[in-house]
Amino acid sequence: MPAKISERQIQYQQKRKAGNCPRCGVKKKKSYTFIYCEDCRAYFRGYNKAKSEEINNNRKIIYNLRKESRQCPRCGIKLGRTYKKIICPQCLEKQYQYIH
């Protein structure tokens, strides 16, 4: 792959104008409506799914660790012993403002 962004953009446009897949360069059928070929689309779907699962798992781990150590799961502020809620007052206020 070229180092400069502009070179990649030029290659992308050239492949696309020629009727090829911009990622791998495979010739597509004229009736095919998508920009990328079926193999590249499958790759992107698989990559995005795996990345999303990884991010969600990391978020769950952080949430549970903070919850166990009496911290706000969103921002990590230490909560007092007498505080009954899970989320700190600042994050609750942000949530209420977002909802209303």
PDB file of N, CA and C in Angstrom:
ATOM      1  N   MET A   1       0.824  -1.188   0.000  1.00  0.00           N
ATOM      2  CA  MET A   1       0.000   0.000   0.000  1.00  0.00           C
ATOM      3  C   MET A   1       0.864   1.245   0.000  1.00  0.00           C
ATOM      4  N   PRO A   2       0.467   2.231  -0.736  1.00  0.00           N
ATOM      5  CA  PRO A   2       1.227   3.480  -0.751  1.00  0.00           C
ATOM      6  C   PRO A   2       1.168   4.175   0.603  1.00  0.00           C
ATOM      7  N   ALA A   3       2.202   4.932   0.896  1.00  0.00           N
ATOM      8  CA  ALA A   3       2.309   5.599   2.188  1.00  0.00           C
ATOM      9  C   ALA A   3       1.428   6.838   2.263  1.00  0.00           C
ATOM     10  N   LYS A   4       1.264   7.542   1.161  1.00  0.00           N
ATOM     11  CA  LYS A   4       0.522   8.800   1.185  1.00  0.00           C
ATOM     12  C   LYS A   4      -0.965   8.559   0.993  1.00  0.00           C
ATOM     13  N   ILE A   5      -1.764   9.324   1.687  1.00  0.00           N
ATOM     14  CA  ILE A   5      -3.215   9.199   1.587  1.00  0.00           C
ATOM     15  C   ILE A   5      -3.680   9.556   0.184  1.00  0.00           C
ATOM     16  N   SER A   6      -3.106  10.584  -0.407  1.00  0.00           N
ATOM     17  CA  SER A   6      -3.536  11.013  -1.735  1.00  0.00           C
ATOM     18  C   SER A   6      -3.303   9.920  -2.776  1.00  0.00           C
ATOM     19  N   GLU A   7      -2.223   9.168  -2.668  1.00  0.00           N
ATOM     20  CA  GLU A   7      -1.977   8.070  -3.605  1.00  0.00           C
ATOM     21  C   GLU A   7      -3.037   6.990  -3.463  1.00  0.00           C
ATOM     22  N   ARG A   8      -3.426   6.693  -2.236  1.00  0.00           N
ATOM     23  CA  ARG A   8      -4.471   5.692  -2.013  1.00  0.00           C
ATOM     24  C   ARG A   8      -5.799   6.169  -2.576  1.00  0.00           C
ATOM     25  N   GLN A   9      -6.080   7.454  -2.415  1.00  0.00           N
ATOM     26  CA  GLN A   9      -7.325   7.995  -2.947  1.00  0.00           C
ATOM     27  C   GLN A   9      -7.340   7.911  -4.473  1.00  0.00           C
ATOM     28  N   ILE A  10      -6.214   8.197  -5.083  1.00  0.00           N
ATOM     29  CA  ILE A  10      -6.118   8.119  -6.542  1.00  0.00           C
ATOM     30  C   ILE A  10      -6.334   6.684  -7.009  1.00  0.00           C
ATOM     31  N   GLN A  11      -5.684   5.728  -6.332  1.00  0.00           N
ATOM     32  CA  GLN A  11      -5.852   4.319  -6.699  1.00  0.00           C
ATOM     33  C   GLN A  11      -7.297   3.872  -6.506  1.00  0.00           C
ATOM     34  N   TYR A  12      -7.914   4.302  -5.419  1.00  0.00           N
ATOM     35  CA  TYR A  12      -9.305   3.959  -5.149  1.00  0.00           C
ATOM     36  C   TYR A  12     -10.189   4.440  -6.291  1.00  0.00           C
ATOM     37  N   GLN A  13     -10.035   5.707  -6.677  1.00  0.00           N
ATOM     38  CA  GLN A  13     -10.861   6.272  -7.748  1.00  0.00           C
ATOM     39  C   GLN A  13     -10.602   5.584  -9.087  1.00  0.00           C
ATOM     40  N   GLN A  14      -9.338   5.276  -9.385  1.00  0.00           N
ATOM     41  CA  GLN A  14      -9.023   4.602 -10.646  1.00  0.00           C
ATOM     42  C   GLN A  14      -9.671   3.225 -10.705  1.00  0.00           C
ATOM     43  N   LYS A  15      -9.572   2.448  -9.620  1.00  0.00           N
ATOM     44  CA  LYS A  15     -10.182   1.111  -9.596  1.00  0.00           C
ATOM     45  C   LYS A  15     -11.691   1.201  -9.705  1.00  0.00           C
ATOM     46  N   ARG A  16     -12.259   2.177  -9.029  1.00  0.00           N
ATOM     47  CA  ARG A  16     -13.710   2.324  -9.033  1.00  0.00           C
ATOM     48  C   ARG A  16     -14.221   2.724 -10.423  1.00  0.00           C
ATOM     49  N   LYS A  17     -13.532   3.661 -11.092  1.00  0.00           N
ATOM     50  CA  LYS A  17     -13.937   4.084 -12.432  1.00  0.00           C
ATOM     51  C   LYS A  17     -13.804   2.957 -13.441  1.00  0.00           C
ATOM     52  N   ALA A  18     -12.822   2.073 -13.224  1.00  0.00           N
ATOM     53  CA  ALA A  18     -12.615   0.951 -14.135  1.00  0.00           C
ATOM     54  C   ALA A  18     -13.625  -0.171 -13.911  1.00  0.00           C
ATOM     55  N   GLY A  19     -14.459  -0.043 -12.869  1.00  0.00           N
ATOM     56  CA  GLY A  19     -15.453  -1.077 -12.591  1.00  0.00           C
ATOM     57  C   GLY A  19     -14.911  -2.198 -11.739  1.00  0.00           C
ATOM     58  N   ASN A  20     -13.820  -1.934 -11.043  1.00  0.00           N
ATOM     59  CA  ASN A  20     -13.207  -2.946 -10.190  1.00  0.00           C
ATOM     60  C   ASN A  20     -13.513  -2.657  -8.722  1.00  0.00           C
ATOM     61  N   CYS A  21     -13.287  -3.664  -7.910  1.00  0.00           N
ATOM     62  CA  CYS A  21     -13.419  -3.480  -6.466  1.00  0.00           C
ATOM     63  C   CYS A  21     -12.271  -2.587  -6.001  1.00  0.00           C
ATOM     64  N   PRO A  22     -12.549  -1.499  -5.280  1.00  0.00           N
ATOM     65  CA  PRO A  22     -11.486  -0.578  -4.857  1.00  0.00           C
ATOM     66  C   PRO A  22     -10.480  -1.195  -3.889  1.00  0.00           C
ATOM     67  N   ARG A  23     -10.875  -2.261  -3.193  1.00  0.00           N
ATOM     68  CA  ARG A  23      -9.969  -2.854  -2.213  1.00  0.00           C
ATOM     69  C   ARG A  23      -9.028  -3.878  -2.850  1.00  0.00           C
ATOM     70  N   CYS A  24      -9.599  -4.840  -3.592  1.00  0.00           N
ATOM     71  CA  CYS A  24      -8.764  -5.930  -4.120  1.00  0.00           C
ATOM     72  C   CYS A  24      -8.540  -5.837  -5.629  1.00  0.00           C
ATOM     73  N   GLY A  25      -9.333  -5.053  -6.342  1.00  0.00           N
ATOM     74  CA  GLY A  25      -9.134  -4.870  -7.774  1.00  0.00           C
ATOM     75  C   GLY A  25      -9.830  -5.877  -8.658  1.00  0.00           C
ATOM     76  N   VAL A  26     -10.665  -6.746  -8.100  1.00  0.00           N
ATOM     77  CA  VAL A  26     -11.375  -7.752  -8.888  1.00  0.00           C
ATOM     78  C   VAL A  26     -12.434  -7.060  -9.746  1.00  0.00           C
ATOM     79  N   LYS A  27     -12.561  -7.498 -10.989  1.00  0.00           N
ATOM     80  CA  LYS A  27     -13.553  -6.938 -11.904  1.00  0.00           C
ATOM     81  C   LYS A  27     -14.943  -7.361 -11.469  1.00  0.00           C
ATOM     82  N   LYS A  28     -15.875  -6.385 -11.382  1.00  0.00           N
ATOM     83  CA  LYS A  28     -17.244  -6.668 -10.968  1.00  0.00           C
ATOM     84  C   LYS A  28     -18.149  -6.684 -12.194  1.00  0.00           C
ATOM     85  N   LYS A  29     -19.309  -7.329 -12.024  1.00  0.00           N
ATOM     86  CA  LYS A  29     -20.303  -7.336 -13.093  1.00  0.00           C
ATOM     87  C   LYS A  29     -20.958  -5.965 -13.180  1.00  0.00           C
ATOM     88  N   LYS A  30     -21.436  -5.618 -14.366  1.00  0.00           N
ATOM     89  CA  LYS A  30     -22.075  -4.312 -14.564  1.00  0.00           C
ATOM     90  C   LYS A  30     -23.346  -4.178 -13.727  1.00  0.00           C
ATOM     91  N   SER A  31     -24.062  -5.284 -13.525  1.00  0.00           N
ATOM     92  CA  SER A  31     -25.326  -5.236 -12.791  1.00  0.00           C
ATOM     93  C   SER A  31     -25.121  -5.206 -11.271  1.00  0.00           C
ATOM     94  N   TYR A  32     -23.895  -5.379 -10.807  1.00  0.00           N
ATOM     95  CA  TYR A  32     -23.597  -5.391  -9.371  1.00  0.00           C
ATOM     96  C   TYR A  32     -23.688  -3.972  -8.827  1.00  0.00           C
ATOM     97  N   THR A  33     -24.520  -3.765  -7.793  1.00  0.00           N
ATOM     98  CA  THR A  33     -24.799  -2.407  -7.321  1.00  0.00           C
ATOM     99  C   THR A  33     -23.865  -1.928  -6.216  1.00  0.00           C
ATOM    100  N   PHE A  34     -23.134  -2.816  -5.592  1.00  0.00           N
ATOM    101  CA  PHE A  34     -22.268  -2.427  -4.484  1.00  0.00           C
ATOM    102  C   PHE A  34     -20.898  -1.985  -4.983  1.00  0.00           C
ATOM    103  N   ILE A  35     -20.216  -1.175  -4.177  1.00  0.00           N
ATOM    104  CA  ILE A  35     -18.899  -0.682  -4.554  1.00  0.00           C
ATOM    105  C   ILE A  35     -17.854  -1.785  -4.429  1.00  0.00           C
ATOM    106  N   TYR A  36     -17.902  -2.527  -3.319  1.00  0.00           N
ATOM    107  CA  TYR A  36     -16.919  -3.585  -3.067  1.00  0.00           C
ATOM    108  C   TYR A  36     -17.457  -4.930  -3.543  1.00  0.00           C
ATOM    109  N   CYS A  37     -16.549  -5.844  -3.895  1.00  0.00           N
ATOM    110  CA  CYS A  37     -16.943  -7.177  -4.334  1.00  0.00           C
ATOM    111  C   CYS A  37     -17.482  -7.968  -3.139  1.00  0.00           C
ATOM    112  N   GLU A  38     -18.053  -9.113  -3.412  1.00  0.00           N
ATOM    113  CA  GLU A  38     -18.681  -9.914  -2.360  1.00  0.00           C
ATOM    114  C   GLU A  38     -17.663 -10.395  -1.325  1.00  0.00           C
ATOM    115  N   ASP A  39     -16.465 -10.765  -1.758  1.00  0.00           N
ATOM    116  CA  ASP A  39     -15.436 -11.217  -0.811  1.00  0.00           C
ATOM    117  C   ASP A  39     -15.017 -10.098   0.134  1.00  0.00           C
ATOM    118  N   CYS A  40     -14.822  -8.897  -0.394  1.00  0.00           N
ATOM    119  CA  CYS A  40     -14.425  -7.761   0.449  1.00  0.00           C
ATOM    120  C   CYS A  40     -15.555  -7.363   1.390  1.00  0.00           C
ATOM    121  N   ARG A  41     -16.792  -7.423   0.914  1.00  0.00           N
ATOM    122  CA  ARG A  41     -17.921  -7.105   1.779  1.00  0.00           C
ATOM    123  C   ARG A  41     -18.011  -8.111   2.927  1.00  0.00           C
ATOM    124  N   ALA A  42     -17.775  -9.388   2.633  1.00  0.00           N
ATOM    125  CA  ALA A  42     -17.791 -10.411   3.680  1.00  0.00           C
ATOM    126  C   ALA A  42     -16.656 -10.165   4.676  1.00  0.00           C
ATOM    127  N   TYR A  43     -15.499  -9.752   4.172  1.00  0.00           N
ATOM    128  CA  TYR A  43     -14.366  -9.444   5.057  1.00  0.00           C
ATOM    129  C   TYR A  43     -14.719  -8.299   6.000  1.00  0.00           C
ATOM    130  N   PHE A  44     -15.302  -7.230   5.461  1.00  0.00           N
ATOM    131  CA  PHE A  44     -15.667  -6.079   6.289  1.00  0.00           C
ATOM    132  C   PHE A  44     -16.716  -6.463   7.329  1.00  0.00           C
ATOM    133  N   ARG A  45     -17.690  -7.271   6.931  1.00  0.00           N
ATOM    134  CA  ARG A  45     -18.720  -7.694   7.888  1.00  0.00           C
ATOM    135  C   ARG A  45     -18.097  -8.503   9.018  1.00  0.00           C
ATOM    136  N   GLY A  46     -17.216  -9.422   8.688  1.00  0.00           N
ATOM    137  CA  GLY A  46     -16.561 -10.244   9.707  1.00  0.00           C
ATOM    138  C   GLY A  46     -15.655  -9.427  10.605  1.00  0.00           C
ATOM    139  N   TYR A  47     -14.905  -8.498  10.017  1.00  0.00           N
ATOM    140  CA  TYR A  47     -13.994  -7.665  10.799  1.00  0.00           C
ATOM    141  C   TYR A  47     -14.770  -6.793  11.771  1.00  0.00           C
ATOM    142  N   ASN A  48     -15.819  -6.153  11.290  1.00  0.00           N
ATOM    143  CA  ASN A  48     -16.607  -5.266  12.146  1.00  0.00           C
ATOM    144  C   ASN A  48     -17.284  -6.035  13.269  1.00  0.00           C
ATOM    145  N   LYS A  49     -17.749  -7.236  12.982  1.00  0.00           N
ATOM    146  CA  LYS A  49     -18.410  -8.038  14.007  1.00  0.00           C
ATOM    147  C   LYS A  49     -17.410  -8.444  15.086  1.00  0.00           C
ATOM    148  N   ALA A  50     -16.243  -8.899  14.674  1.00  0.00           N
ATOM    149  CA  ALA A  50     -15.228  -9.307  15.648  1.00  0.00           C
ATOM    150  C   ALA A  50     -14.772  -8.122  16.491  1.00  0.00           C
ATOM    151  N   LYS A  51     -14.578  -6.974  15.864  1.00  0.00           N
ATOM    152  CA  LYS A  51     -14.135  -5.776  16.582  1.00  0.00           C
ATOM    153  C   LYS A  51     -15.201  -5.330  17.577  1.00  0.00           C
ATOM    154  N   SER A  52     -16.469  -5.367  17.177  1.00  0.00           N
ATOM    155  CA  SER A  52     -17.560  -4.972  18.062  1.00  0.00           C
ATOM    156  C   SER A  52     -17.644  -5.895  19.277  1.00  0.00           C
ATOM    157  N   GLU A  53     -17.489  -7.196  19.054  1.00  0.00           N
ATOM    158  CA  GLU A  53     -17.525  -8.146  20.165  1.00  0.00           C
ATOM    159  C   GLU A  53     -16.372  -7.899  21.126  1.00  0.00           C
ATOM    160  N   GLU A  54     -15.199  -7.617  20.590  1.00  0.00           N
ATOM    161  CA  GLU A  54     -14.035  -7.341  21.429  1.00  0.00           C
ATOM    162  C   GLU A  54     -14.251  -6.091  22.285  1.00  0.00           C
ATOM    163  N   ILE A  55     -14.768  -5.035  21.680  1.00  0.00           N
ATOM    164  CA  ILE A  55     -15.021  -3.794  22.404  1.00  0.00           C
ATOM    165  C   ILE A  55     -16.077  -4.011  23.486  1.00  0.00           C
ATOM    166  N   ASN A  56     -17.157  -4.729  23.146  1.00  0.00           N
ATOM    167  CA  ASN A  56     -18.210  -4.984  24.122  1.00  0.00           C
ATOM    168  C   ASN A  56     -17.703  -5.815  25.292  1.00  0.00           C
ATOM    169  N   ASN A  57     -16.878  -6.810  25.018  1.00  0.00           N
ATOM    170  CA  ASN A  57     -16.328  -7.631  26.100  1.00  0.00           C
ATOM    171  C   ASN A  57     -15.448  -6.799  27.019  1.00  0.00           C
ATOM    172  N   ASN A  58     -14.625  -5.925  26.453  1.00  0.00           N
ATOM    173  CA  ASN A  58     -13.769  -5.054  27.276  1.00  0.00           C
ATOM    174  C   ASN A  58     -14.615  -4.112  28.127  1.00  0.00           C
ATOM    175  N   ARG A  59     -15.670  -3.571  27.569  1.00  0.00           N
ATOM    176  CA  ARG A  59     -16.554  -2.683  28.325  1.00  0.00           C
ATOM    177  C   ARG A  59     -17.221  -3.414  29.488  1.00  0.00           C
ATOM    178  N   LYS A  60     -17.651  -4.657  29.248  1.00  0.00           N
ATOM    179  CA  LYS A  60     -18.282  -5.440  30.306  1.00  0.00           C
ATOM    180  C   LYS A  60     -17.303  -5.721  31.443  1.00  0.00           C
ATOM    181  N   ILE A  61     -16.065  -6.036  31.092  1.00  0.00           N
ATOM    182  CA  ILE A  61     -15.050  -6.305  32.104  1.00  0.00           C
ATOM    183  C   ILE A  61     -14.804  -5.067  32.954  1.00  0.00           C
ATOM    184  N   ILE A  62     -14.619  -3.916  32.306  1.00  0.00           N
ATOM    185  CA  ILE A  62     -14.383  -2.659  33.035  1.00  0.00           C
ATOM    186  C   ILE A  62     -15.585  -2.325  33.906  1.00  0.00           C
ATOM    187  N   TYR A  63     -16.798  -2.496  33.385  1.00  0.00           N
ATOM    188  CA  TYR A  63     -18.013  -2.203  34.136  1.00  0.00           C
ATOM    189  C   TYR A  63     -18.062  -3.045  35.410  1.00  0.00           C
ATOM    190  N   ASN A  64     -17.830  -4.352  35.267  1.00  0.00           N
ATOM    191  CA  ASN A  64     -17.905  -5.242  36.427  1.00  0.00           C
ATOM    192  C   ASN A  64     -16.803  -4.963  37.442  1.00  0.00           C
ATOM    193  N   LEU A  65     -15.588  -4.675  36.979  1.00  0.00           N
ATOM    194  CA  LEU A  65     -14.495  -4.359  37.905  1.00  0.00           C
ATOM    195  C   LEU A  65     -14.788  -3.089  38.697  1.00  0.00           C
ATOM    196  N   ARG A  66     -15.275  -2.064  38.025  1.00  0.00           N
ATOM    197  CA  ARG A  66     -15.596  -0.813  38.708  1.00  0.00           C
ATOM    198  C   ARG A  66     -16.762  -0.994  39.674  1.00  0.00           C
ATOM    199  N   LYS A  67     -17.741  -1.779  39.276  1.00  0.00           N
ATOM    200  CA  LYS A  67     -18.900  -2.001  40.121  1.00  0.00           C
ATOM    201  C   LYS A  67     -18.496  -2.740  41.407  1.00  0.00           C
ATOM    202  N   GLU A  68     -17.620  -3.730  41.276  1.00  0.00           N
ATOM    203  CA  GLU A  68     -17.158  -4.482  42.441  1.00  0.00           C
ATOM    204  C   GLU A  68     -16.327  -3.631  43.390  1.00  0.00           C
ATOM    205  N   SER A  69     -15.579  -2.679  42.869  1.00  0.00           N
ATOM    206  CA  SER A  69     -14.717  -1.853  43.709  1.00  0.00           C
ATOM    207  C   SER A  69     -15.405  -0.548  44.138  1.00  0.00           C
ATOM    208  N   ARG A  70     -16.740  -0.484  44.039  1.00  0.00           N
ATOM    209  CA  ARG A  70     -17.538   0.678  44.465  1.00  0.00           C
ATOM    210  C   ARG A  70     -17.130   1.957  43.743  1.00  0.00           C
ATOM    211  N   GLN A  71     -16.918   1.836  42.425  1.00  0.00           N
ATOM    212  CA  GLN A  71     -16.653   2.988  41.572  1.00  0.00           C
ATOM    213  C   GLN A  71     -17.812   3.142  40.608  1.00  0.00           C
ATOM    214  N   CYS A  72     -17.972   4.360  40.110  1.00  0.00           N
ATOM    215  CA  CYS A  72     -18.970   4.592  39.072  1.00  0.00           C
ATOM    216  C   CYS A  72     -18.528   3.831  37.820  1.00  0.00           C
ATOM    217  N   PRO A  73     -19.374   2.962  37.259  1.00  0.00           N
ATOM    218  CA  PRO A  73     -18.969   2.189  36.094  1.00  0.00           C
ATOM    219  C   PRO A  73     -18.708   3.031  34.849  1.00  0.00           C
ATOM    220  N   ARG A  74     -19.231   4.249  34.804  1.00  0.00           N
ATOM    221  CA  ARG A  74     -19.052   5.090  33.618  1.00  0.00           C
ATOM    222  C   ARG A  74     -17.784   5.915  33.663  1.00  0.00           C
ATOM    223  N   CYS A  75     -17.548   6.594  34.798  1.00  0.00           N
ATOM    224  CA  CYS A  75     -16.403   7.510  34.854  1.00  0.00           C
ATOM    225  C   CYS A  75     -15.300   7.039  35.797  1.00  0.00           C
ATOM    226  N   GLY A  76     -15.580   6.107  36.692  1.00  0.00           N
ATOM    227  CA  GLY A  76     -14.557   5.564  37.570  1.00  0.00           C
ATOM    228  C   GLY A  76     -14.371   6.302  38.884  1.00  0.00           C
ATOM    229  N   ILE A  77     -15.220   7.281  39.201  1.00  0.00           N
ATOM    230  CA  ILE A  77     -15.104   8.015  40.465  1.00  0.00           C
ATOM    231  C   ILE A  77     -15.461   7.071  41.609  1.00  0.00           C
ATOM    232  N   LYS A  78     -14.673   7.135  42.666  1.00  0.00           N
ATOM    233  CA  LYS A  78     -14.916   6.307  43.836  1.00  0.00           C
ATOM    234  C   LYS A  78     -16.196   6.776  44.527  1.00  0.00           C
ATOM    235  N   LEU A  79     -17.102   5.847  44.852  1.00  0.00           N
ATOM    236  CA  LEU A  79     -18.369   6.166  45.494  1.00  0.00           C
ATOM    237  C   LEU A  79     -18.252   5.925  46.994  1.00  0.00           C
ATOM    238  N   GLY A  80     -18.963   6.712  47.773  1.00  0.00           N
ATOM    239  CA  GLY A  80     -18.939   6.572  49.221  1.00  0.00           C
ATOM    240  C   GLY A  80     -19.658   5.310  49.685  1.00  0.00           C
ATOM    241  N   ARG A  81     -19.418   4.932  50.940  1.00  0.00           N
ATOM    242  CA  ARG A  81     -20.036   3.721  51.474  1.00  0.00           C
ATOM    243  C   ARG A  81     -21.541   3.884  51.655  1.00  0.00           C
ATOM    244  N   THR A  82     -21.963   5.095  51.944  1.00  0.00           N
ATOM    245  CA  THR A  82     -23.386   5.318  52.186  1.00  0.00           C
ATOM    246  C   THR A  82     -24.171   5.567  50.902  1.00  0.00           C
ATOM    247  N   TYR A  83     -23.488   5.770  49.809  1.00  0.00           N
ATOM    248  CA  TYR A  83     -24.154   6.031  48.524  1.00  0.00           C
ATOM    249  C   TYR A  83     -24.780   4.735  48.036  1.00  0.00           C
ATOM    250  N   LYS A  84     -26.080   4.729  47.794  1.00  0.00           N
ATOM    251  CA  LYS A  84     -26.827   3.507  47.482  1.00  0.00           C
ATOM    252  C   LYS A  84     -26.886   3.165  45.991  1.00  0.00           C
ATOM    253  N   LYS A  85     -26.721   4.154  45.135  1.00  0.00           N
ATOM    254  CA  LYS A  85     -26.868   3.914  43.695  1.00  0.00           C
ATOM    255  C   LYS A  85     -25.553   3.423  43.103  1.00  0.00           C
ATOM    256  N   ILE A  86     -25.631   2.864  41.907  1.00  0.00           N
ATOM    257  CA  ILE A  86     -24.450   2.332  41.231  1.00  0.00           C
ATOM    258  C   ILE A  86     -23.705   3.437  40.494  1.00  0.00           C
ATOM    259  N   ILE A  87     -24.431   4.368  39.885  1.00  0.00           N
ATOM    260  CA  ILE A  87     -23.843   5.428  39.070  1.00  0.00           C
ATOM    261  C   ILE A  87     -23.708   6.695  39.911  1.00  0.00           C
ATOM    262  N   CYS A  88     -22.634   7.441  39.735  1.00  0.00           N
ATOM    263  CA  CYS A  88     -22.381   8.661  40.513  1.00  0.00           C
ATOM    264  C   CYS A  88     -23.390   9.757  40.144  1.00  0.00           C
ATOM    265  N   PRO A  89     -23.549  10.763  41.006  1.00  0.00           N
ATOM    266  CA  PRO A  89     -24.537  11.831  40.741  1.00  0.00           C
ATOM    267  C   PRO A  89     -24.265  12.603  39.444  1.00  0.00           C
ATOM    268  N   GLN A  90     -23.002  12.825  39.109  1.00  0.00           N
ATOM    269  CA  GLN A  90     -22.694  13.572  37.882  1.00  0.00           C
ATOM    270  C   GLN A  90     -23.148  12.791  36.639  1.00  0.00           C
ATOM    271  N   CYS A  91     -22.857  11.493  36.612  1.00  0.00           N
ATOM    272  CA  CYS A  91     -23.257  10.682  35.456  1.00  0.00           C
ATOM    273  C   CYS A  91     -24.775  10.520  35.401  1.00  0.00           C
ATOM    274  N   LEU A  92     -25.416  10.433  36.567  1.00  0.00           N
ATOM    275  CA  LEU A  92     -26.873  10.369  36.587  1.00  0.00           C
ATOM    276  C   LEU A  92     -27.485  11.644  36.024  1.00  0.00           C
ATOM    277  N   GLU A  93     -26.909  12.779  36.383  1.00  0.00           N
ATOM    278  CA  GLU A  93     -27.415  14.057  35.878  1.00  0.00           C
ATOM    279  C   GLU A  93     -27.273  14.137  34.356  1.00  0.00           C
ATOM    280  N   LYS A  94     -26.123  13.683  33.845  1.00  0.00           N
ATOM    281  CA  LYS A  94     -25.926  13.667  32.402  1.00  0.00           C
ATOM    282  C   LYS A  94     -26.965  12.768  31.728  1.00  0.00           C
ATOM    283  N   GLN A  95     -27.224  11.609  32.352  1.00  0.00           N
ATOM    284  CA  GLN A  95     -28.197  10.680  31.801  1.00  0.00           C
ATOM    285  C   GLN A  95     -29.600  11.284  31.797  1.00  0.00           C
ATOM    286  N   TYR A  96     -29.978  11.946  32.878  1.00  0.00           N
ATOM    287  CA  TYR A  96     -31.298  12.583  32.958  1.00  0.00           C
ATOM    288  C   TYR A  96     -31.427  13.688  31.910  1.00  0.00           C
ATOM    289  N   GLN A  97     -30.383  14.472  31.713  1.00  0.00           N
ATOM    290  CA  GLN A  97     -30.418  15.527  30.706  1.00  0.00           C
ATOM    291  C   GLN A  97     -30.538  14.962  29.303  1.00  0.00           C
ATOM    292  N   TYR A  98     -29.882  13.831  29.065  1.00  0.00           N
ATOM    293  CA  TYR A  98     -29.921  13.209  27.757  1.00  0.00           C
ATOM    294  C   TYR A  98     -31.322  12.665  27.464  1.00  0.00           C
ATOM    295  N   ILE A  99     -31.961  12.091  28.483  1.00  0.00           N
ATOM    296  CA  ILE A  99     -33.288  11.504  28.307  1.00  0.00           C
ATOM    297  C   ILE A  99     -34.339  12.586  28.077  1.00  0.00           C
ATOM    298  N   HIS A 100     -34.241  13.685  28.816  1.00  0.00           N
ATOM    299  CA  HIS A 100     -35.274  14.725  28.733  1.00  0.00           C
ATOM    300  C   HIS A 100     -34.853  15.771  27.811  1.00  0.00           C
TER     301      HIS A 100
END
